[in-house]
Amino acid sequence: MKAPFGRTAYIVVFLLAATYAVATLSGARGIPAVLARQKQIQRLEDRNAQLAREIERKRDHVRRLQNDASEQEREIRDRYKLVHPGDTVYITGQPDKK
């Protein structure tokens, strides 16, 4: 009589453990959450790499501006639309309609 009860108890315990495992793995903190976190990590790593490239590009630009006076002058002329006295400025394109 004890053998069938023991076997039944093991089966019930196994089924409860399997049910708990399935519920845990498919729940809010289970496998879908892990996959979502991995996708989020990948997106953030890609964004970090993109920002690192942008930072390096800007550092290179700053180095060029610090070391080259003609580069500084070109940047000032482009950004602030400044010209030297006596320079001739040609404006091309369509005039603004007001």
N, C-alpha and C. Protein backbone atom coordinates (compact mmCIF):
# COMPACT_ATOMS: atom_id res chain seq x y z
N MET A 1 0.81 -1.18 0.00
CA MET A 1 0.00 0.00 0.00
C MET A 1 0.86 1.27 0.00
N LYS A 2 2.04 1.16 0.58
CA LYS A 2 2.90 2.34 0.64
C LYS A 2 3.54 2.64 -0.71
N ALA A 3 3.79 1.64 -1.52
CA ALA A 3 4.44 1.86 -2.80
C ALA A 3 3.58 2.71 -3.73
N PRO A 4 2.28 2.45 -3.94
CA PRO A 4 1.49 3.31 -4.81
C PRO A 4 1.37 4.74 -4.27
N PHE A 5 1.27 4.88 -2.94
CA PHE A 5 1.17 6.22 -2.35
C PHE A 5 2.46 7.01 -2.58
N GLY A 6 3.59 6.35 -2.40
CA GLY A 6 4.88 7.01 -2.63
C GLY A 6 5.06 7.41 -4.07
N ARG A 7 4.69 6.53 -4.99
CA ARG A 7 4.79 6.83 -6.41
C ARG A 7 3.86 7.98 -6.77
N THR A 8 2.66 7.98 -6.24
CA THR A 8 1.69 9.05 -6.50
C THR A 8 2.20 10.38 -5.93
N ALA A 9 2.80 10.32 -4.77
CA ALA A 9 3.34 11.54 -4.16
C ALA A 9 4.46 12.11 -5.04
N TYR A 10 5.35 11.26 -5.55
CA TYR A 10 6.41 11.73 -6.44
C TYR A 10 5.84 12.33 -7.72
N ILE A 11 4.83 11.72 -8.27
CA ILE A 11 4.21 12.24 -9.49
C ILE A 11 3.57 13.59 -9.23
N VAL A 12 2.87 13.71 -8.11
CA VAL A 12 2.22 14.98 -7.77
C VAL A 12 3.28 16.07 -7.56
N VAL A 13 4.34 15.74 -6.83
CA VAL A 13 5.40 16.72 -6.59
C VAL A 13 6.05 17.12 -7.92
N PHE A 14 6.32 16.15 -8.78
CA PHE A 14 6.90 16.45 -10.09
C PHE A 14 5.98 17.34 -10.91
N LEU A 15 4.69 17.05 -10.92
CA LEU A 15 3.74 17.87 -11.68
C LEU A 15 3.65 19.28 -11.12
N LEU A 16 3.67 19.41 -9.81
CA LEU A 16 3.66 20.75 -9.20
C LEU A 16 4.92 21.53 -9.57
N ALA A 17 6.07 20.85 -9.52
CA ALA A 17 7.33 21.51 -9.88
C ALA A 17 7.32 21.92 -11.34
N ALA A 18 6.81 21.03 -12.21
CA ALA A 18 6.76 21.35 -13.64
C ALA A 18 5.81 22.51 -13.89
N THR A 19 4.68 22.53 -13.23
CA THR A 19 3.72 23.62 -13.38
C THR A 19 4.32 24.94 -12.89
N TYR A 20 5.01 24.89 -11.77
CA TYR A 20 5.66 26.09 -11.24
C TYR A 20 6.73 26.60 -12.22
N ALA A 21 7.50 25.66 -12.78
CA ALA A 21 8.56 26.05 -13.73
C ALA A 21 7.96 26.70 -14.97
N VAL A 22 6.90 26.12 -15.51
CA VAL A 22 6.26 26.69 -16.70
C VAL A 22 5.68 28.06 -16.39
N ALA A 23 5.02 28.19 -15.24
CA ALA A 23 4.42 29.48 -14.87
C ALA A 23 5.50 30.54 -14.65
N THR A 24 6.59 30.15 -14.05
CA THR A 24 7.67 31.10 -13.78
C THR A 24 8.36 31.53 -15.07
N LEU A 25 8.64 30.58 -15.95
CA LEU A 25 9.37 30.90 -17.17
C LEU A 25 8.51 31.67 -18.17
N SER A 26 7.22 31.50 -18.13
CA SER A 26 6.37 32.22 -19.09
C SER A 26 5.73 33.46 -18.49
N GLY A 27 6.03 33.76 -17.26
CA GLY A 27 5.44 34.91 -16.58
C GLY A 27 6.12 36.21 -16.94
N ALA A 28 5.83 37.23 -16.16
CA ALA A 28 6.33 38.58 -16.42
C ALA A 28 7.85 38.68 -16.29
N ARG A 29 8.45 37.83 -15.49
CA ARG A 29 9.90 37.86 -15.32
C ARG A 29 10.58 36.65 -15.96
N GLY A 30 9.90 35.99 -16.83
CA GLY A 30 10.42 34.77 -17.43
C GLY A 30 11.19 35.02 -18.71
N ILE A 31 11.10 34.07 -19.60
CA ILE A 31 11.85 34.11 -20.86
C ILE A 31 11.51 35.32 -21.72
N PRO A 32 10.23 35.71 -21.87
CA PRO A 32 9.96 36.91 -22.67
C PRO A 32 10.62 38.16 -22.11
N ALA A 33 10.68 38.27 -20.80
CA ALA A 33 11.34 39.43 -20.20
C ALA A 33 12.84 39.42 -20.46
N VAL A 34 13.43 38.24 -20.39
CA VAL A 34 14.86 38.11 -20.66
C VAL A 34 15.15 38.49 -22.11
N LEU A 35 14.34 38.03 -23.03
CA LEU A 35 14.54 38.36 -24.44
C LEU A 35 14.36 39.86 -24.69
N ALA A 36 13.37 40.45 -24.03
CA ALA A 36 13.15 41.89 -24.18
C ALA A 36 14.35 42.67 -23.63
N ARG A 37 14.89 42.22 -22.51
CA ARG A 37 16.07 42.89 -21.93
C ARG A 37 17.27 42.76 -22.86
N GLN A 38 17.44 41.60 -23.48
CA GLN A 38 18.56 41.42 -24.40
C GLN A 38 18.43 42.36 -25.60
N LYS A 39 17.22 42.53 -26.12
CA LYS A 39 17.00 43.46 -27.23
C LYS A 39 17.30 44.89 -26.79
N GLN A 40 16.85 45.23 -25.59
CA GLN A 40 17.09 46.57 -25.07
C GLN A 40 18.59 46.81 -24.89
N ILE A 41 19.30 45.82 -24.37
CA ILE A 41 20.75 45.95 -24.19
C ILE A 41 21.43 46.14 -25.53
N GLN A 42 21.01 45.39 -26.54
CA GLN A 42 21.61 45.52 -27.87
C GLN A 42 21.37 46.91 -28.45
N ARG A 43 20.14 47.42 -28.29
CA ARG A 43 19.85 48.78 -28.78
C ARG A 43 20.71 49.81 -28.07
N LEU A 44 20.85 49.68 -26.75
CA LEU A 44 21.66 50.64 -26.00
C LEU A 44 23.13 50.54 -26.36
N GLU A 45 23.63 49.33 -26.58
CA GLU A 45 25.02 49.18 -27.00
C GLU A 45 25.24 49.81 -28.37
N ASP A 46 24.30 49.65 -29.28
CA ASP A 46 24.41 50.28 -30.60
C ASP A 46 24.41 51.79 -30.47
N ARG A 47 23.53 52.31 -29.63
CA ARG A 47 23.45 53.76 -29.41
C ARG A 47 24.75 54.28 -28.79
N ASN A 48 25.29 53.54 -27.83
CA ASN A 48 26.56 53.95 -27.21
C ASN A 48 27.69 53.98 -28.24
N ALA A 49 27.72 53.00 -29.12
CA ALA A 49 28.76 52.97 -30.16
C ALA A 49 28.59 54.16 -31.10
N GLN A 50 27.35 54.47 -31.45
CA GLN A 50 27.10 55.62 -32.32
C GLN A 50 27.53 56.92 -31.63
N LEU A 51 27.21 57.07 -30.37
CA LEU A 51 27.61 58.27 -29.64
C LEU A 51 29.12 58.35 -29.48
N ALA A 52 29.77 57.22 -29.29
CA ALA A 52 31.23 57.22 -29.18
C ALA A 52 31.87 57.68 -30.49
N ARG A 53 31.32 57.24 -31.62
CA ARG A 53 31.84 57.69 -32.92
C ARG A 53 31.62 59.19 -33.09
N GLU A 54 30.45 59.67 -32.67
CA GLU A 54 30.16 61.10 -32.78
C GLU A 54 31.09 61.92 -31.89
N ILE A 55 31.35 61.45 -30.69
CA ILE A 55 32.25 62.15 -29.78
C ILE A 55 33.65 62.21 -30.38
N GLU A 56 34.11 61.10 -30.94
CA GLU A 56 35.45 61.08 -31.54
C GLU A 56 35.52 62.03 -32.73
N ARG A 57 34.46 62.09 -33.53
CA ARG A 57 34.42 63.00 -34.66
C ARG A 57 34.50 64.45 -34.19
N LYS A 58 33.77 64.78 -33.13
CA LYS A 58 33.79 66.15 -32.60
C LYS A 58 35.14 66.48 -31.96
N ARG A 59 35.76 65.50 -31.29
CA ARG A 59 37.08 65.75 -30.72
C ARG A 59 38.10 66.03 -31.82
N ASP A 60 37.99 65.29 -32.90
CA ASP A 60 38.88 65.51 -34.04
C ASP A 60 38.67 66.90 -34.62
N HIS A 61 37.41 67.32 -34.72
CA HIS A 61 37.10 68.66 -35.23
C HIS A 61 37.70 69.72 -34.31
N VAL A 62 37.58 69.55 -33.00
CA VAL A 62 38.13 70.52 -32.04
C VAL A 62 39.65 70.55 -32.16
N ARG A 63 40.29 69.37 -32.30
CA ARG A 63 41.75 69.34 -32.46
C ARG A 63 42.19 70.10 -33.71
N ARG A 64 41.44 69.91 -34.81
CA ARG A 64 41.78 70.64 -36.04
C ARG A 64 41.63 72.15 -35.84
N LEU A 65 40.56 72.55 -35.12
CA LEU A 65 40.37 73.99 -34.87
C LEU A 65 41.46 74.55 -33.98
N GLN A 66 41.94 73.78 -33.02
CA GLN A 66 42.98 74.27 -32.12
C GLN A 66 44.33 74.39 -32.81
N ASN A 67 44.58 73.52 -33.78
CA ASN A 67 45.91 73.45 -34.38
C ASN A 67 46.03 74.18 -35.71
N ASP A 68 44.94 74.60 -36.30
CA ASP A 68 45.00 75.18 -37.65
C ASP A 68 44.22 76.50 -37.68
N ALA A 69 44.95 77.60 -37.83
CA ALA A 69 44.31 78.93 -37.84
C ALA A 69 43.40 79.10 -39.04
N SER A 70 43.77 78.54 -40.18
CA SER A 70 42.91 78.69 -41.35
C SER A 70 41.60 77.91 -41.16
N GLU A 71 41.68 76.79 -40.46
CA GLU A 71 40.45 76.03 -40.15
C GLU A 71 39.54 76.84 -39.21
N GLN A 72 40.17 77.53 -38.25
CA GLN A 72 39.40 78.40 -37.35
C GLN A 72 38.72 79.50 -38.15
N GLU A 73 39.47 80.13 -39.02
CA GLU A 73 38.91 81.23 -39.81
C GLU A 73 37.76 80.76 -40.69
N ARG A 74 37.91 79.59 -41.32
CA ARG A 74 36.85 79.05 -42.16
C ARG A 74 35.60 78.75 -41.33
N GLU A 75 35.79 78.21 -40.15
CA GLU A 75 34.65 77.91 -39.27
C GLU A 75 33.93 79.19 -38.85
N ILE A 76 34.70 80.21 -38.51
CA ILE A 76 34.09 81.49 -38.11
C ILE A 76 33.34 82.11 -39.27
N ARG A 77 33.93 82.08 -40.46
CA ARG A 77 33.26 82.64 -41.63
C ARG A 77 31.96 81.88 -41.93
N ASP A 78 32.01 80.56 -41.85
CA ASP A 78 30.81 79.76 -42.14
C ASP A 78 29.73 79.96 -41.08
N ARG A 79 30.13 79.93 -39.83
CA ARG A 79 29.14 79.97 -38.76
C ARG A 79 28.53 81.36 -38.59
N TYR A 80 29.35 82.39 -38.62
CA TYR A 80 28.87 83.74 -38.33
C TYR A 80 28.72 84.61 -39.57
N LYS A 81 28.98 84.05 -40.73
CA LYS A 81 28.83 84.77 -42.01
C LYS A 81 29.66 86.05 -42.03
N LEU A 82 30.88 85.98 -41.55
CA LEU A 82 31.76 87.14 -41.50
C LEU A 82 32.66 87.16 -42.75
N VAL A 83 33.04 88.36 -43.15
CA VAL A 83 33.96 88.53 -44.28
C VAL A 83 35.01 89.57 -43.91
N HIS A 84 36.15 89.51 -44.59
CA HIS A 84 37.19 90.51 -44.38
C HIS A 84 36.81 91.77 -45.13
N PRO A 85 37.28 92.93 -44.63
CA PRO A 85 37.04 94.17 -45.39
C PRO A 85 37.68 94.06 -46.77
N GLY A 86 36.93 94.45 -47.76
CA GLY A 86 37.42 94.39 -49.13
C GLY A 86 37.05 93.11 -49.86
N ASP A 87 36.54 92.10 -49.14
CA ASP A 87 36.10 90.87 -49.80
C ASP A 87 34.81 91.14 -50.55
N THR A 88 34.66 90.49 -51.68
CA THR A 88 33.44 90.59 -52.45
C THR A 88 32.58 89.37 -52.17
N VAL A 89 31.33 89.61 -51.84
CA VAL A 89 30.43 88.51 -51.51
C VAL A 89 29.41 88.37 -52.62
N TYR A 90 29.28 87.16 -53.13
CA TYR A 90 28.30 86.87 -54.16
C TYR A 90 27.19 86.02 -53.54
N ILE A 91 25.96 86.46 -53.71
CA ILE A 91 24.82 85.71 -53.20
C ILE A 91 24.14 85.06 -54.38
N THR A 92 24.03 83.73 -54.32
CA THR A 92 23.40 83.00 -55.41
C THR A 92 22.13 82.37 -54.89
N GLY A 93 21.24 82.04 -55.79
CA GLY A 93 20.01 81.39 -55.40
C GLY A 93 18.82 82.32 -55.56
N GLN A 94 17.66 81.82 -55.25
CA GLN A 94 16.43 82.57 -55.37
C GLN A 94 16.28 83.52 -54.18
N PRO A 95 15.85 84.75 -54.43
CA PRO A 95 15.61 85.66 -53.31
C PRO A 95 14.37 85.21 -52.52
N ASP A 96 14.39 85.52 -51.24
CA ASP A 96 13.25 85.18 -50.39
C ASP A 96 12.05 86.03 -50.77
N LYS A 97 10.90 85.40 -50.89
CA LYS A 97 9.66 86.15 -51.18
C LYS A 97 9.01 86.49 -49.85
N LYS A 98 8.63 87.75 -49.75
CA LYS A 98 8.04 88.19 -48.50
C LYS A 98 6.61 88.57 -48.68
